[in-house]
């Protein structure tokens, strides 16, 4: 989710690809990550939560994780995000989640 938010923020600021944590991320990365997240919700994939108990992927979990990742990014801005482009981070987060929800509701 962190990569999806950061990539989408780059798009909102006129970048077609971005160097994120030493990796060049582009539209292909975005098109892979978003459906992967949507598939985890669709198939109710379970993972161990922080307490070790099974945690099912759901729309609510996705929203919470997007909120958490956005807060982390805003707290410690990565190198590719300057103060001006940081203003679009909430919009990037909103768009990224919306695109995932749309994939969930479209035929696979």
PDB file of N, CA and C in Angstrom:
ATOM      1  N   UNK A   1       0.822  -1.191   0.000  1.00  0.00           N
ATOM      2  CA  UNK A   1       0.000   0.000   0.000  1.00  0.00           C
ATOM      3  C   UNK A   1       0.865   1.254   0.000  1.00  0.00           C
ATOM      4  N   UNK A   2       1.984   1.150   0.694  1.00  0.00           N
ATOM      5  CA  UNK A   2       2.903   2.287   0.734  1.00  0.00           C
ATOM      6  C   UNK A   2       3.374   2.641  -0.673  1.00  0.00           C
ATOM      7  N   UNK A   3       3.756   1.632  -1.438  1.00  0.00           N
ATOM      8  CA  UNK A   3       4.236   1.867  -2.796  1.00  0.00           C
ATOM      9  C   UNK A   3       3.118   2.414  -3.671  1.00  0.00           C
ATOM     10  N   UNK A   4       1.916   1.895  -3.516  1.00  0.00           N
ATOM     11  CA  UNK A   4       0.772   2.355  -4.321  1.00  0.00           C
ATOM     12  C   UNK A   4       0.496   3.829  -4.034  1.00  0.00           C
ATOM     13  N   UNK A   5       0.510   4.216  -2.758  1.00  0.00           N
ATOM     14  CA  UNK A   5       0.267   5.622  -2.402  1.00  0.00           C
ATOM     15  C   UNK A   5       1.376   6.501  -2.970  1.00  0.00           C
ATOM     16  N   UNK A   6       2.619   6.089  -2.777  1.00  0.00           N
ATOM     17  CA  UNK A   6       3.741   6.904  -3.242  1.00  0.00           C
ATOM     18  C   UNK A   6       3.765   7.020  -4.765  1.00  0.00           C
ATOM     19  N   UNK A   7       3.497   5.928  -5.465  1.00  0.00           N
ATOM     20  CA  UNK A   7       3.457   5.991  -6.924  1.00  0.00           C
ATOM     21  C   UNK A   7       2.337   6.918  -7.382  1.00  0.00           C
ATOM     22  N   UNK A   8       1.140   6.747  -6.832  1.00  0.00           N
ATOM     23  CA  UNK A   8      -0.008   7.570  -7.217  1.00  0.00           C
ATOM     24  C   UNK A   8       0.274   9.034  -6.920  1.00  0.00           C
ATOM     25  N   UNK A   9       0.969   9.323  -5.837  1.00  0.00           N
ATOM     26  CA  UNK A   9       1.331  10.703  -5.523  1.00  0.00           C
ATOM     27  C   UNK A   9       2.268  11.265  -6.592  1.00  0.00           C
ATOM     28  N   UNK A  10       3.180  10.454  -7.055  1.00  0.00           N
ATOM     29  CA  UNK A  10       4.063  10.887  -8.136  1.00  0.00           C
ATOM     30  C   UNK A  10       3.273  11.219  -9.387  1.00  0.00           C
ATOM     31  N   UNK A  11       2.300  10.379  -9.707  1.00  0.00           N
ATOM     32  CA  UNK A  11       1.448  10.629 -10.875  1.00  0.00           C
ATOM     33  C   UNK A  11       0.731  11.962 -10.728  1.00  0.00           C
ATOM     34  N   UNK A  12       0.191  12.216  -9.542  1.00  0.00           N
ATOM     35  CA  UNK A  12      -0.516  13.482  -9.307  1.00  0.00           C
ATOM     36  C   UNK A  12       0.410  14.689  -9.444  1.00  0.00           C
ATOM     37  N   UNK A  13       1.713  14.446  -9.313  1.00  0.00           N
ATOM     38  CA  UNK A  13       2.687  15.521  -9.419  1.00  0.00           C
ATOM     39  C   UNK A  13       3.492  15.466 -10.708  1.00  0.00           C
ATOM     40  N   UNK A  14       2.922  14.800 -11.727  1.00  0.00           N
ATOM     41  CA  UNK A  14       3.495  14.827 -13.067  1.00  0.00           C
ATOM     42  C   UNK A  14       4.583  13.827 -13.367  1.00  0.00           C
ATOM     43  N   UNK A  15       4.773  12.828 -12.509  1.00  0.00           N
ATOM     44  CA  UNK A  15       5.803  11.816 -12.757  1.00  0.00           C
ATOM     45  C   UNK A  15       5.151  10.539 -13.289  1.00  0.00           C
ATOM     46  N   UNK A  16       5.726   9.984 -14.338  1.00  0.00           N
ATOM     47  CA  UNK A  16       5.208   8.738 -14.885  1.00  0.00           C
ATOM     48  C   UNK A  16       5.826   7.525 -14.224  1.00  0.00           C
ATOM     49  N   UNK A  17       6.990   7.704 -13.636  1.00  0.00           N
ATOM     50  CA  UNK A  17       7.676   6.652 -12.899  1.00  0.00           C
ATOM     51  C   UNK A  17       8.431   7.336 -11.766  1.00  0.00           C
ATOM     52  N   UNK A  18       8.667   6.591 -10.708  1.00  0.00           N
ATOM     53  CA  UNK A  18       9.349   7.167  -9.552  1.00  0.00           C
ATOM     54  C   UNK A  18      10.348   6.173  -8.989  1.00  0.00           C
ATOM     55  N   UNK A  19      11.448   6.696  -8.500  1.00  0.00           N
ATOM     56  CA  UNK A  19      12.433   5.877  -7.810  1.00  0.00           C
ATOM     57  C   UNK A  19      12.001   5.814  -6.347  1.00  0.00           C
ATOM     58  N   UNK A  20      11.529   4.632  -5.922  1.00  0.00           N
ATOM     59  CA  UNK A  20      11.037   4.446  -4.562  1.00  0.00           C
ATOM     60  C   UNK A  20      11.909   3.410  -3.866  1.00  0.00           C
ATOM     61  N   UNK A  21      12.606   3.833  -2.840  1.00  0.00           N
ATOM     62  CA  UNK A  21      13.462   2.933  -2.061  1.00  0.00           C
ATOM     63  C   UNK A  21      14.448   2.168  -2.942  1.00  0.00           C
ATOM     64  N   UNK A  22      14.987   2.850  -3.947  1.00  0.00           N
ATOM     65  CA  UNK A  22      15.990   2.245  -4.809  1.00  0.00           C
ATOM     66  C   UNK A  22      15.442   1.438  -5.978  1.00  0.00           C
ATOM     67  N   UNK A  23      14.110   1.379  -6.112  1.00  0.00           N
ATOM     68  CA  UNK A  23      13.483   0.628  -7.204  1.00  0.00           C
ATOM     69  C   UNK A  23      12.676   1.586  -8.075  1.00  0.00           C
ATOM     70  N   UNK A  24      12.769   1.395  -9.383  1.00  0.00           N
ATOM     71  CA  UNK A  24      11.976   2.206 -10.294  1.00  0.00           C
ATOM     72  C   UNK A  24      10.582   1.612 -10.362  1.00  0.00           C
ATOM     73  N   UNK A  25       9.601   2.369  -9.912  1.00  0.00           N
ATOM     74  CA  UNK A  25       8.210   1.920  -9.908  1.00  0.00           C
ATOM     75  C   UNK A  25       7.453   2.716 -10.957  1.00  0.00           C
ATOM     76  N   UNK A  26       6.572   2.012 -11.695  1.00  0.00           N
ATOM     77  CA  UNK A  26       5.841   2.670 -12.761  1.00  0.00           C
ATOM     78  C   UNK A  26       4.421   2.130 -12.825  1.00  0.00           C
ATOM     79  N   UNK A  27       3.741   2.414 -13.908  1.00  0.00           N
ATOM     80  CA  UNK A  27       2.347   2.007 -14.069  1.00  0.00           C
ATOM     81  C   UNK A  27       2.189   0.490 -13.945  1.00  0.00           C
ATOM     82  N   UNK A  28       3.146  -0.275 -14.447  1.00  0.00           N
ATOM     83  CA  UNK A  28       3.040  -1.737 -14.350  1.00  0.00           C
ATOM     84  C   UNK A  28       3.013  -2.180 -12.892  1.00  0.00           C
ATOM     85  N   UNK A  29       3.857  -1.592 -12.075  1.00  0.00           N
ATOM     86  CA  UNK A  29       3.871  -1.924 -10.642  1.00  0.00           C
ATOM     87  C   UNK A  29       2.520  -1.611 -10.028  1.00  0.00           C
ATOM     88  N   UNK A  30       2.013  -0.445 -10.326  1.00  0.00           N
ATOM     89  CA  UNK A  30       0.711  -0.023  -9.797  1.00  0.00           C
ATOM     90  C   UNK A  30      -0.391  -0.982 -10.235  1.00  0.00           C
ATOM     91  N   UNK A  31      -0.357  -1.385 -11.490  1.00  0.00           N
ATOM     92  CA  UNK A  31      -1.388  -2.293 -12.022  1.00  0.00           C
ATOM     93  C   UNK A  31      -1.270  -3.707 -11.463  1.00  0.00           C
ATOM     94  N   UNK A  32      -0.138  -4.047 -10.917  1.00  0.00           N
ATOM     95  CA  UNK A  32       0.031  -5.357 -10.279  1.00  0.00           C
ATOM     96  C   UNK A  32      -0.381  -5.284  -8.813  1.00  0.00           C
ATOM     97  N   UNK A  33       0.095  -4.290  -8.086  1.00  0.00           N
ATOM     98  CA  UNK A  33      -0.161  -4.208  -6.650  1.00  0.00           C
ATOM     99  C   UNK A  33      -1.632  -4.009  -6.315  1.00  0.00           C
ATOM    100  N   UNK A  34      -2.302  -3.122  -7.026  1.00  0.00           N
ATOM    101  CA  UNK A  34      -3.715  -2.853  -6.684  1.00  0.00           C
ATOM    102  C   UNK A  34      -4.589  -4.094  -6.815  1.00  0.00           C
ATOM    103  N   UNK A  35      -4.544  -4.836  -7.920  1.00  0.00           N
ATOM    104  CA  UNK A  35      -5.363  -6.054  -8.004  1.00  0.00           C
ATOM    105  C   UNK A  35      -4.943  -7.124  -6.992  1.00  0.00           C
ATOM    106  N   UNK A  36      -3.655  -7.169  -6.645  1.00  0.00           N
ATOM    107  CA  UNK A  36      -3.222  -8.130  -5.634  1.00  0.00           C
ATOM    108  C   UNK A  36      -3.909  -7.854  -4.300  1.00  0.00           C
ATOM    109  N   UNK A  37      -3.992  -6.595  -3.930  1.00  0.00           N
ATOM    110  CA  UNK A  37      -4.665  -6.219  -2.685  1.00  0.00           C
ATOM    111  C   UNK A  37      -6.153  -6.555  -2.786  1.00  0.00           C
ATOM    112  N   UNK A  38      -6.773  -6.222  -3.915  1.00  0.00           N
ATOM    113  CA  UNK A  38      -8.203  -6.500  -4.115  1.00  0.00           C
ATOM    114  C   UNK A  38      -8.484  -8.000  -4.040  1.00  0.00           C
ATOM    115  N   UNK A  39      -7.600  -8.817  -4.604  1.00  0.00           N
ATOM    116  CA  UNK A  39      -7.787 -10.263  -4.564  1.00  0.00           C
ATOM    117  C   UNK A  39      -7.719 -10.800  -3.132  1.00  0.00           C
ATOM    118  N   UNK A  40      -6.875 -10.223  -2.317  1.00  0.00           N
ATOM    119  CA  UNK A  40      -6.780 -10.661  -0.917  1.00  0.00           C
ATOM    120  C   UNK A  40      -8.099 -10.415  -0.190  1.00  0.00           C
ATOM    121  N   UNK A  41      -8.760  -9.316  -0.502  1.00  0.00           N
ATOM    122  CA  UNK A  41     -10.064  -9.023   0.112  1.00  0.00           C
ATOM    123  C   UNK A  41     -11.121  -9.954  -0.478  1.00  0.00           C
ATOM    124  N   UNK A  42     -11.142 -10.082  -1.783  1.00  0.00           N
ATOM    125  CA  UNK A  42     -12.128 -10.921  -2.458  1.00  0.00           C
ATOM    126  C   UNK A  42     -12.109 -12.351  -1.921  1.00  0.00           C
ATOM    127  N   UNK A  43     -10.924 -12.881  -1.705  1.00  0.00           N
ATOM    128  CA  UNK A  43     -10.781 -14.270  -1.255  1.00  0.00           C
ATOM    129  C   UNK A  43     -10.641 -14.390   0.264  1.00  0.00           C
ATOM    130  N   UNK A  44     -10.826 -13.272   0.964  1.00  0.00           N
ATOM    131  CA  UNK A  44     -10.788 -13.244   2.427  1.00  0.00           C
ATOM    132  C   UNK A  44      -9.525 -13.914   2.988  1.00  0.00           C
ATOM    133  N   UNK A  45      -8.392 -13.554   2.408  1.00  0.00           N
ATOM    134  CA  UNK A  45      -7.107 -14.103   2.834  1.00  0.00           C
ATOM    135  C   UNK A  45      -6.866 -13.726   4.295  1.00  0.00           C
ATOM    136  N   UNK A  46      -6.382 -14.699   5.055  1.00  0.00           N
ATOM    137  CA  UNK A  46      -6.087 -14.458   6.464  1.00  0.00           C
ATOM    138  C   UNK A  46      -4.579 -14.462   6.682  1.00  0.00           C
ATOM    139  N   UNK A  47      -4.133 -13.527   7.495  1.00  0.00           N
ATOM    140  CA  UNK A  47      -2.729 -13.435   7.882  1.00  0.00           C
ATOM    141  C   UNK A  47      -2.682 -13.269   9.393  1.00  0.00           C
ATOM    142  N   UNK A  48      -1.519 -13.491   9.977  1.00  0.00           N
ATOM    143  CA  UNK A  48      -1.367 -13.300  11.413  1.00  0.00           C
ATOM    144  C   UNK A  48      -1.321 -11.805  11.710  1.00  0.00           C
ATOM    145  N   UNK A  49      -2.159 -11.375  12.635  1.00  0.00           N
ATOM    146  CA  UNK A  49      -2.156  -9.982  13.067  1.00  0.00           C
ATOM    147  C   UNK A  49      -1.001  -9.734  14.020  1.00  0.00           C
ATOM    148  N   UNK A  50      -0.888  -8.526  14.517  1.00  0.00           N
ATOM    149  CA  UNK A  50       0.182  -8.179  15.456  1.00  0.00           C
ATOM    150  C   UNK A  50       0.148  -9.052  16.709  1.00  0.00           C
ATOM    151  N   UNK A  51      -1.056  -9.498  17.070  1.00  0.00           N
ATOM    152  CA  UNK A  51      -1.209 -10.339  18.264  1.00  0.00           C
ATOM    153  C   UNK A  51      -1.089 -11.831  17.945  1.00  0.00           C
ATOM    154  N   UNK A  52      -0.800 -12.163  16.680  1.00  0.00           N
ATOM    155  CA  UNK A  52      -0.655 -13.555  16.280  1.00  0.00           C
ATOM    156  C   UNK A  52      -1.955 -14.227  15.882  1.00  0.00           C
ATOM    157  N   UNK A  53      -3.078 -13.574  16.116  1.00  0.00           N
ATOM    158  CA  UNK A  53      -4.380 -14.141  15.768  1.00  0.00           C
ATOM    159  C   UNK A  53      -4.662 -13.901  14.287  1.00  0.00           C
ATOM    160  N   UNK A  54      -5.440 -14.802  13.664  1.00  0.00           N
ATOM    161  CA  UNK A  54      -5.761 -14.621  12.243  1.00  0.00           C
ATOM    162  C   UNK A  54      -6.523 -13.316  12.000  1.00  0.00           C
ATOM    163  N   UNK A  55      -6.114 -12.624  10.976  1.00  0.00           N
ATOM    164  CA  UNK A  55      -6.722 -11.361  10.597  1.00  0.00           C
ATOM    165  C   UNK A  55      -7.162 -11.479   9.146  1.00  0.00           C
ATOM    166  N   UNK A  56      -8.459 -11.355   8.907  1.00  0.00           N
ATOM    167  CA  UNK A  56      -8.996 -11.502   7.558  1.00  0.00           C
ATOM    168  C   UNK A  56      -8.945 -10.184   6.806  1.00  0.00           C
ATOM    169  N   UNK A  57      -8.471 -10.260   5.559  1.00  0.00           N
ATOM    170  CA  UNK A  57      -8.488  -9.067   4.713  1.00  0.00           C
ATOM    171  C   UNK A  57      -9.933  -8.687   4.416  1.00  0.00           C
ATOM    172  N   UNK A  58     -10.261  -7.453   4.660  1.00  0.00           N
ATOM    173  CA  UNK A  58     -11.600  -6.923   4.419  1.00  0.00           C
ATOM    174  C   UNK A  58     -11.454  -5.481   3.956  1.00  0.00           C
ATOM    175  N   UNK A  59     -12.549  -4.918   3.502  1.00  0.00           N
ATOM    176  CA  UNK A  59     -12.514  -3.509   3.081  1.00  0.00           C
ATOM    177  C   UNK A  59     -12.118  -2.621   4.252  1.00  0.00           C
ATOM    178  N   UNK A  60     -12.620  -2.938   5.438  1.00  0.00           N
ATOM    179  CA  UNK A  60     -12.289  -2.138   6.627  1.00  0.00           C
ATOM    180  C   UNK A  60     -10.793  -2.226   6.942  1.00  0.00           C
ATOM    181  N   UNK A  61     -10.224  -3.410   6.817  1.00  0.00           N
ATOM    182  CA  UNK A  61      -8.793  -3.575   7.066  1.00  0.00           C
ATOM    183  C   UNK A  61      -7.986  -2.787   6.043  1.00  0.00           C
ATOM    184  N   UNK A  62      -8.384  -2.850   4.796  1.00  0.00           N
ATOM    185  CA  UNK A  62      -7.679  -2.116   3.741  1.00  0.00           C
ATOM    186  C   UNK A  62      -7.702  -0.621   4.029  1.00  0.00           C
ATOM    187  N   UNK A  63      -8.859  -0.106   4.425  1.00  0.00           N
ATOM    188  CA  UNK A  63      -8.971   1.314   4.762  1.00  0.00           C
ATOM    189  C   UNK A  63      -8.039   1.656   5.920  1.00  0.00           C
ATOM    190  N   UNK A  64      -8.039   0.824   6.957  1.00  0.00           N
ATOM    191  CA  UNK A  64      -7.178   1.076   8.117  1.00  0.00           C
ATOM    192  C   UNK A  64      -5.706   1.063   7.720  1.00  0.00           C
ATOM    193  N   UNK A  65      -5.306   0.082   6.905  1.00  0.00           N
ATOM    194  CA  UNK A  65      -3.916  -0.008   6.489  1.00  0.00           C
ATOM    195  C   UNK A  65      -3.503   1.178   5.612  1.00  0.00           C
ATOM    196  N   UNK A  66      -4.399   1.606   4.732  1.00  0.00           N
ATOM    197  CA  UNK A  66      -4.107   2.795   3.926  1.00  0.00           C
ATOM    198  C   UNK A  66      -3.929   4.019   4.822  1.00  0.00           C
ATOM    199  N   UNK A  67      -4.793   4.155   5.820  1.00  0.00           N
ATOM    200  CA  UNK A  67      -4.676   5.283   6.751  1.00  0.00           C
ATOM    201  C   UNK A  67      -3.343   5.243   7.501  1.00  0.00           C
ATOM    202  N   UNK A  68      -2.966   4.038   7.968  1.00  0.00           N
ATOM    203  CA  UNK A  68      -1.711   3.886   8.699  1.00  0.00           C
ATOM    204  C   UNK A  68      -0.506   4.201   7.815  1.00  0.00           C
ATOM    205  N   UNK A  69      -0.522   3.692   6.591  1.00  0.00           N
ATOM    206  CA  UNK A  69       0.605   3.943   5.688  1.00  0.00           C
ATOM    207  C   UNK A  69       0.714   5.417   5.324  1.00  0.00           C
ATOM    208  N   UNK A  70      -0.417   6.056   5.086  1.00  0.00           N
ATOM    209  CA  UNK A  70      -0.399   7.492   4.783  1.00  0.00           C
ATOM    210  C   UNK A  70       0.215   8.260   5.952  1.00  0.00           C
ATOM    211  N   UNK A  71      -0.188   7.926   7.171  1.00  0.00           N
ATOM    212  CA  UNK A  71       0.354   8.618   8.347  1.00  0.00           C
ATOM    213  C   UNK A  71       1.866   8.417   8.454  1.00  0.00           C
ATOM    214  N   UNK A  72       2.346   7.206   8.194  1.00  0.00           N
ATOM    215  CA  UNK A  72       3.784   6.934   8.239  1.00  0.00           C
ATOM    216  C   UNK A  72       4.535   7.739   7.179  1.00  0.00           C
ATOM    217  N   UNK A  73       3.979   7.772   5.986  1.00  0.00           N
ATOM    218  CA  UNK A  73       4.625   8.521   4.895  1.00  0.00           C
ATOM    219  C   UNK A  73       4.685  10.006   5.246  1.00  0.00           C
ATOM    220  N   UNK A  74       3.572  10.545   5.754  1.00  0.00           N
ATOM    221  CA  UNK A  74       3.527  11.970   6.088  1.00  0.00           C
ATOM    222  C   UNK A  74       4.465  12.315   7.246  1.00  0.00           C
ATOM    223  N   UNK A  75       4.626  11.384   8.172  1.00  0.00           N
ATOM    224  CA  UNK A  75       5.492  11.628   9.329  1.00  0.00           C
ATOM    225  C   UNK A  75       6.956  11.682   8.934  1.00  0.00           C
ATOM    226  N   UNK A  76       7.359  10.779   8.053  1.00  0.00           N
ATOM    227  CA  UNK A  76       8.754  10.686   7.633  1.00  0.00           C
ATOM    228  C   UNK A  76       8.793  10.669   6.107  1.00  0.00           C
ATOM    229  N   UNK A  77       8.721  11.847   5.503  1.00  0.00           N
ATOM    230  CA  UNK A  77       8.627  11.947   4.047  1.00  0.00           C
ATOM    231  C   UNK A  77       9.798  11.272   3.342  1.00  0.00           C
ATOM    232  N   UNK A  78       9.491  10.364   2.407  1.00  0.00           N
ATOM    233  CA  UNK A  78      10.552   9.753   1.601  1.00  0.00           C
ATOM    234  C   UNK A  78      11.239  10.807   0.729  1.00  0.00           C
ATOM    235  N   UNK A  79      12.429  10.490   0.262  1.00  0.00           N
ATOM    236  CA  UNK A  79      13.255  11.435  -0.498  1.00  0.00           C
ATOM    237  C   UNK A  79      12.554  12.015  -1.719  1.00  0.00           C
ATOM    238  N   UNK A  80      11.702  11.211  -2.398  1.00  0.00           N
ATOM    239  CA  UNK A  80      11.094  11.693  -3.637  1.00  0.00           C
ATOM    240  C   UNK A  80       9.924  12.651  -3.401  1.00  0.00           C
ATOM    241  N   UNK A  81       9.530  12.841  -2.144  1.00  0.00           N
ATOM    242  CA  UNK A  81       8.379  13.699  -1.847  1.00  0.00           C
ATOM    243  C   UNK A  81       8.856  14.960  -1.146  1.00  0.00           C
ATOM    244  N   UNK A  82       8.737  16.083  -1.840  1.00  0.00           N
ATOM    245  CA  UNK A  82       9.078  17.355  -1.211  1.00  0.00           C
ATOM    246  C   UNK A  82       7.822  17.912  -0.520  1.00  0.00           C
ATOM    247  N   UNK A  83       7.978  18.998   0.186  1.00  0.00           N
ATOM    248  CA  UNK A  83       6.847  19.575   0.941  1.00  0.00           C
ATOM    249  C   UNK A  83       5.668  19.932   0.033  1.00  0.00           C
ATOM    250  N   UNK A  84       5.959  20.421  -1.152  1.00  0.00           N
ATOM    251  CA  UNK A  84       4.876  20.796  -2.075  1.00  0.00           C
ATOM    252  C   UNK A  84       4.090  19.563  -2.520  1.00  0.00           C
ATOM    253  N   UNK A  85       4.784  18.512  -2.936  1.00  0.00           N
ATOM    254  CA  UNK A  85       4.074  17.322  -3.411  1.00  0.00           C
ATOM    255  C   UNK A  85       3.473  16.521  -2.257  1.00  0.00           C
ATOM    256  N   UNK A  86       3.890  16.786  -1.038  1.00  0.00           N
ATOM    257  CA  UNK A  86       3.297  16.113   0.126  1.00  0.00           C
ATOM    258  C   UNK A  86       1.830  16.497   0.296  1.00  0.00           C
ATOM    259  N   UNK A  87       1.462  17.662  -0.212  1.00  0.00           N
ATOM    260  CA  UNK A  87       0.078  18.129  -0.091  1.00  0.00           C
ATOM    261  C   UNK A  87      -0.901  17.219  -0.828  1.00  0.00           C
ATOM    262  N   UNK A  88      -0.427  16.486  -1.833  1.00  0.00           N
ATOM    263  CA  UNK A  88      -1.324  15.617  -2.605  1.00  0.00           C
ATOM    264  C   UNK A  88      -1.378  14.179  -2.067  1.00  0.00           C
ATOM    265  N   UNK A  89      -0.643  13.887  -1.006  1.00  0.00           N
ATOM    266  CA  UNK A  89      -0.641  12.527  -0.460  1.00  0.00           C
ATOM    267  C   UNK A  89      -2.038  12.017  -0.066  1.00  0.00           C
ATOM    268  N   UNK A  90      -2.864  12.817   0.634  1.00  0.00           N
ATOM    269  CA  UNK A  90      -4.203  12.320   0.973  1.00  0.00           C
ATOM    270  C   UNK A  90      -5.041  11.983  -0.270  1.00  0.00           C
ATOM    271  N   UNK A  91      -4.911  12.780  -1.308  1.00  0.00           N
ATOM    272  CA  UNK A  91      -5.644  12.511  -2.554  1.00  0.00           C
ATOM    273  C   UNK A  91      -5.102  11.245  -3.220  1.00  0.00           C
ATOM    274  N   UNK A  92      -3.785  11.064  -3.201  1.00  0.00           N
ATOM    275  CA  UNK A  92      -3.178   9.857  -3.762  1.00  0.00           C
ATOM    276  C   UNK A  92      -3.686   8.624  -3.029  1.00  0.00           C
ATOM    277  N   UNK A  93      -3.770   8.701  -1.724  1.00  0.00           N
ATOM    278  CA  UNK A  93      -4.269   7.603  -0.905  1.00  0.00           C
ATOM    279  C   UNK A  93      -5.730   7.297  -1.239  1.00  0.00           C
ATOM    280  N   UNK A  94      -6.544   8.345  -1.377  1.00  0.00           N
ATOM    281  CA  UNK A  94      -7.969   8.188  -1.680  1.00  0.00           C
ATOM    282  C   UNK A  94      -8.167   7.528  -3.048  1.00  0.00           C
ATOM    283  N   UNK A  95      -7.442   7.994  -4.036  1.00  0.00           N
ATOM    284  CA  UNK A  95      -7.551   7.441  -5.393  1.00  0.00           C
ATOM    285  C   UNK A  95      -7.103   5.980  -5.405  1.00  0.00           C
ATOM    286  N   UNK A  96      -5.989   5.687  -4.757  1.00  0.00           N
ATOM    287  CA  UNK A  96      -5.467   4.319  -4.745  1.00  0.00           C
ATOM    288  C   UNK A  96      -6.487   3.362  -4.143  1.00  0.00           C
ATOM    289  N   UNK A  97      -7.075   3.739  -3.021  1.00  0.00           N
ATOM    290  CA  UNK A  97      -8.075   2.859  -2.403  1.00  0.00           C
ATOM    291  C   UNK A  97      -9.298   2.719  -3.299  1.00  0.00           C
ATOM    292  N   UNK A  98      -9.739   3.808  -3.901  1.00  0.00           N
ATOM    293  CA  UNK A  98     -10.899   3.747  -4.787  1.00  0.00           C
ATOM    294  C   UNK A  98     -10.644   2.794  -5.954  1.00  0.00           C
ATOM    295  N   UNK A  99      -9.466   2.834  -6.521  1.00  0.00           N
ATOM    296  CA  UNK A  99      -9.137   1.943  -7.635  1.00  0.00           C
ATOM    297  C   UNK A  99      -9.135   0.480  -7.197  1.00  0.00           C
ATOM    298  N   UNK A 100      -8.740   0.217  -5.974  1.00  0.00           N
ATOM    299  CA  UNK A 100      -8.776  -1.151  -5.450  1.00  0.00           C
ATOM    300  C   UNK A 100     -10.213  -1.604  -5.258  1.00  0.00           C
ATOM    301  N   UNK A 101     -11.052  -0.750  -4.726  1.00  0.00           N
ATOM    302  CA  UNK A 101     -12.466  -1.085  -4.512  1.00  0.00           C
ATOM    303  C   UNK A 101     -13.136  -1.353  -5.858  1.00  0.00           C
ATOM    304  N   UNK A 102     -12.811  -0.569  -6.880  1.00  0.00           N
ATOM    305  CA  UNK A 102     -13.389  -0.789  -8.209  1.00  0.00           C
ATOM    306  C   UNK A 102     -12.993  -2.146  -8.761  1.00  0.00           C
ATOM    307  N   UNK A 103     -11.756  -2.578  -8.539  1.00  0.00           N
ATOM    308  CA  UNK A 103     -11.305  -3.897  -8.996  1.00  0.00           C
ATOM    309  C   UNK A 103     -12.096  -4.991  -8.270  1.00  0.00           C
ATOM    310  N   UNK A 104     -12.350  -4.800  -6.979  1.00  0.00           N
ATOM    311  CA  UNK A 104     -13.099  -5.782  -6.202  1.00  0.00           C
ATOM    312  C   UNK A 104     -14.497  -5.994  -6.780  1.00  0.00           C
ATOM    313  N   UNK A 105     -15.075  -4.945  -7.310  1.00  0.00           N
ATOM    314  CA  UNK A 105     -16.456  -5.019  -7.786  1.00  0.00           C
ATOM    315  C   UNK A 105     -16.583  -5.253  -9.294  1.00  0.00           C
ATOM    316  N   UNK A 106     -15.452  -5.487  -9.948  1.00  0.00           N
ATOM    317  CA  UNK A 106     -15.516  -5.767 -11.392  1.00  0.00           C
ATOM    318  C   UNK A 106     -15.225  -7.243 -11.603  1.00  0.00           C
ATOM    319  N   UNK A 107     -15.734  -7.804 -12.714  1.00  0.00           N
ATOM    320  CA  UNK A 107     -15.460  -9.212 -12.985  1.00  0.00           C
ATOM    321  C   UNK A 107     -13.977  -9.481 -13.144  1.00  0.00           C
ATOM    322  N   UNK A 108     -13.522 -10.570 -12.568  1.00  0.00           N
ATOM    323  CA  UNK A 108     -12.091 -10.906 -12.646  1.00  0.00           C
ATOM    324  C   UNK A 108     -11.881 -11.953 -13.721  1.00  0.00           C
TER     325      UNK A 108
END
